[in-house]
N, C-alpha and C. Protein backbone atom coordinates (compact mmCIF):
# COMPACT_ATOMS: atom_id res chain seq x y z
N MET A 1 12.71 22.87 14.51
CA MET A 1 13.38 21.59 14.48
C MET A 1 13.67 21.21 13.03
N ALA A 2 14.82 20.72 12.75
CA ALA A 2 15.22 20.35 11.40
C ALA A 2 14.53 19.05 10.98
N ASP A 3 14.21 18.98 9.71
CA ASP A 3 13.55 17.81 9.15
C ASP A 3 14.59 16.75 8.78
N ARG A 4 14.30 15.49 9.05
CA ARG A 4 15.17 14.40 8.59
C ARG A 4 14.85 14.12 7.14
N TYR A 5 15.87 13.83 6.36
CA TYR A 5 15.70 13.48 4.96
C TYR A 5 15.97 12.00 4.81
N LEU A 6 14.99 11.27 4.31
CA LEU A 6 15.06 9.82 4.24
C LEU A 6 15.38 9.34 2.83
N THR A 7 16.10 8.26 2.74
CA THR A 7 16.38 7.65 1.45
C THR A 7 15.14 6.87 1.00
N VAL A 8 15.13 6.49 -0.26
CA VAL A 8 14.03 5.69 -0.79
C VAL A 8 13.94 4.38 -0.01
N ALA A 9 15.07 3.77 0.30
CA ALA A 9 15.07 2.52 1.04
C ALA A 9 14.47 2.70 2.44
N GLN A 10 14.79 3.80 3.11
CA GLN A 10 14.24 4.06 4.44
C GLN A 10 12.73 4.27 4.37
N VAL A 11 12.27 5.00 3.36
CA VAL A 11 10.84 5.23 3.20
C VAL A 11 10.13 3.91 2.94
N ALA A 12 10.70 3.08 2.08
CA ALA A 12 10.10 1.78 1.78
C ALA A 12 10.00 0.93 3.04
N GLU A 13 11.04 0.95 3.86
CA GLU A 13 11.03 0.18 5.10
C GLU A 13 9.95 0.69 6.05
N LEU A 14 9.83 2.01 6.19
CA LEU A 14 8.82 2.58 7.08
C LEU A 14 7.41 2.27 6.60
N LEU A 15 7.20 2.24 5.28
CA LEU A 15 5.89 1.95 4.73
C LEU A 15 5.62 0.45 4.63
N GLY A 16 6.66 -0.35 4.79
CA GLY A 16 6.50 -1.79 4.67
C GLY A 16 6.29 -2.23 3.23
N THR A 17 6.94 -1.55 2.29
CA THR A 17 6.81 -1.87 0.87
C THR A 17 8.19 -2.11 0.28
N THR A 18 8.22 -2.38 -1.01
CA THR A 18 9.49 -2.46 -1.72
C THR A 18 9.90 -1.04 -2.10
N GLU A 19 11.10 -0.87 -2.59
CA GLU A 19 11.58 0.45 -3.01
C GLU A 19 10.84 0.96 -4.24
N ARG A 20 10.23 0.06 -4.96
CA ARG A 20 9.52 0.47 -6.18
C ARG A 20 8.37 1.43 -5.87
N PHE A 21 7.66 1.22 -4.76
CA PHE A 21 6.52 2.07 -4.43
C PHE A 21 6.92 3.52 -4.18
N PRO A 22 7.89 3.82 -3.30
CA PRO A 22 8.27 5.23 -3.13
C PRO A 22 8.86 5.83 -4.41
N ARG A 23 9.55 5.03 -5.20
CA ARG A 23 10.06 5.54 -6.48
C ARG A 23 8.93 5.92 -7.42
N ARG A 24 7.85 5.12 -7.40
CA ARG A 24 6.69 5.46 -8.22
C ARG A 24 6.02 6.74 -7.72
N LEU A 25 5.92 6.91 -6.40
CA LEU A 25 5.36 8.14 -5.84
C LEU A 25 6.16 9.35 -6.30
N ILE A 26 7.48 9.20 -6.34
CA ILE A 26 8.35 10.29 -6.78
C ILE A 26 8.15 10.55 -8.27
N ALA A 27 8.13 9.50 -9.07
CA ALA A 27 7.98 9.65 -10.52
C ALA A 27 6.65 10.29 -10.89
N GLU A 28 5.60 9.97 -10.14
CA GLU A 28 4.27 10.53 -10.39
C GLU A 28 4.04 11.85 -9.68
N ARG A 29 5.07 12.35 -8.98
CA ARG A 29 5.01 13.61 -8.23
C ARG A 29 3.86 13.62 -7.22
N ARG A 30 3.67 12.46 -6.56
CA ARG A 30 2.63 12.33 -5.55
C ARG A 30 3.14 12.58 -4.15
N ILE A 31 4.47 12.77 -4.00
CA ILE A 31 5.06 13.06 -2.71
C ILE A 31 6.18 14.08 -2.92
N VAL A 32 6.37 14.92 -1.92
CA VAL A 32 7.43 15.92 -1.97
C VAL A 32 8.78 15.23 -1.84
N PHE A 33 9.74 15.65 -2.63
CA PHE A 33 11.08 15.08 -2.54
C PHE A 33 12.12 16.14 -2.85
N VAL A 34 13.36 15.86 -2.47
CA VAL A 34 14.47 16.77 -2.67
C VAL A 34 15.54 16.03 -3.45
N LYS A 35 16.07 16.67 -4.48
CA LYS A 35 17.17 16.08 -5.22
C LYS A 35 18.47 16.68 -4.70
N VAL A 36 19.38 15.84 -4.30
CA VAL A 36 20.70 16.24 -3.84
C VAL A 36 21.69 15.60 -4.81
N GLY A 37 22.05 16.37 -5.82
CA GLY A 37 22.85 15.78 -6.89
C GLY A 37 22.02 14.74 -7.61
N ARG A 38 22.52 13.52 -7.66
CA ARG A 38 21.74 12.45 -8.29
C ARG A 38 20.93 11.66 -7.27
N HIS A 39 21.04 12.03 -6.01
CA HIS A 39 20.33 11.32 -4.95
C HIS A 39 18.96 11.97 -4.71
N VAL A 40 18.02 11.15 -4.29
CA VAL A 40 16.67 11.63 -3.98
C VAL A 40 16.42 11.38 -2.50
N ARG A 41 15.92 12.40 -1.83
CA ARG A 41 15.59 12.28 -0.41
C ARG A 41 14.17 12.78 -0.20
N ILE A 42 13.49 12.16 0.75
CA ILE A 42 12.12 12.54 1.07
C ILE A 42 12.11 13.06 2.50
N PRO A 43 11.65 14.30 2.68
CA PRO A 43 11.58 14.84 4.05
C PRO A 43 10.61 14.01 4.89
N GLU A 44 10.97 13.78 6.12
CA GLU A 44 10.11 13.00 7.01
C GLU A 44 8.74 13.64 7.16
N SER A 45 8.69 14.96 7.18
CA SER A 45 7.40 15.65 7.29
C SER A 45 6.53 15.40 6.05
N ALA A 46 7.15 15.29 4.87
CA ALA A 46 6.40 15.00 3.64
C ALA A 46 5.84 13.58 3.68
N LEU A 47 6.61 12.65 4.22
CA LEU A 47 6.13 11.27 4.35
C LEU A 47 4.95 11.23 5.31
N ASN A 48 5.06 11.92 6.44
CA ASN A 48 3.96 11.96 7.40
C ASN A 48 2.72 12.61 6.80
N ALA A 49 2.90 13.68 6.01
CA ALA A 49 1.77 14.33 5.35
C ALA A 49 1.12 13.40 4.33
N PHE A 50 1.94 12.65 3.59
CA PHE A 50 1.41 11.69 2.62
C PHE A 50 0.59 10.62 3.33
N ILE A 51 1.10 10.10 4.43
CA ILE A 51 0.38 9.08 5.19
C ILE A 51 -0.92 9.64 5.73
N ASP A 52 -0.89 10.85 6.30
CA ASP A 52 -2.10 11.48 6.84
C ASP A 52 -3.14 11.71 5.74
N ALA A 53 -2.70 12.16 4.57
CA ALA A 53 -3.62 12.45 3.48
C ALA A 53 -4.26 11.18 2.91
N ASN A 54 -3.60 10.05 3.06
CA ASN A 54 -4.11 8.80 2.49
C ASN A 54 -4.64 7.83 3.54
N THR A 55 -4.80 8.30 4.76
CA THR A 55 -5.35 7.47 5.81
C THR A 55 -6.87 7.49 5.72
N VAL A 56 -7.46 6.32 5.68
CA VAL A 56 -8.91 6.20 5.58
C VAL A 56 -9.45 5.91 6.97
N GLN A 57 -10.36 6.76 7.41
CA GLN A 57 -10.95 6.61 8.73
C GLN A 57 -12.08 5.59 8.67
N PRO A 58 -12.28 4.83 9.75
CA PRO A 58 -13.38 3.86 9.76
C PRO A 58 -14.73 4.57 9.77
N ILE A 59 -15.70 3.89 9.22
CA ILE A 59 -17.07 4.41 9.23
C ILE A 59 -17.61 4.25 10.63
N GLY A 60 -18.47 5.18 11.02
CA GLY A 60 -19.06 5.13 12.36
C GLY A 60 -19.95 3.92 12.53
N HIS A 61 -20.90 4.01 13.38
CA HIS A 61 -21.79 2.89 13.67
C HIS A 61 -22.67 2.61 12.46
N TRP A 62 -22.82 1.35 12.17
CA TRP A 62 -23.71 0.94 11.08
C TRP A 62 -25.15 1.07 11.56
N ARG A 63 -25.99 1.47 10.64
CA ARG A 63 -27.42 1.50 10.97
C ARG A 63 -27.95 0.07 10.94
N SER A 64 -28.92 -0.21 11.78
CA SER A 64 -29.44 -1.56 11.87
C SER A 64 -30.08 -1.99 10.55
N SER A 65 -30.60 -1.06 9.75
CA SER A 65 -31.24 -1.43 8.48
C SER A 65 -30.22 -1.99 7.48
N LEU A 66 -28.97 -1.65 7.65
CA LEU A 66 -27.95 -2.15 6.75
C LEU A 66 -27.51 -3.56 7.11
N ARG A 67 -27.84 -4.01 8.30
CA ARG A 67 -27.40 -5.32 8.77
C ARG A 67 -28.42 -6.42 8.53
N ARG A 68 -29.58 -6.08 8.03
CA ARG A 68 -30.62 -7.08 7.86
C ARG A 68 -30.24 -8.12 6.84
N ALA A 69 -30.56 -9.34 7.13
CA ALA A 69 -30.34 -10.42 6.18
C ALA A 69 -31.47 -10.41 5.15
N ALA A 70 -31.19 -10.93 3.98
CA ALA A 70 -32.21 -10.94 2.92
C ALA A 70 -33.31 -11.88 3.18
């Protein structure tokens, strides 16, 4: 299946951020991107990989000793 290539604006909308954030990710080489002439596109699979790599899982059950009041 072919990968969709997203614009910076589309990535920002999907992430719920301004365009500055995906541009910073590109500038810092923290996400895979493709240059098409002067345009920058981010493969949808790269965005999904970035989200997966930065997803923080919740901690399991707290131990009762951690819940004690002082």
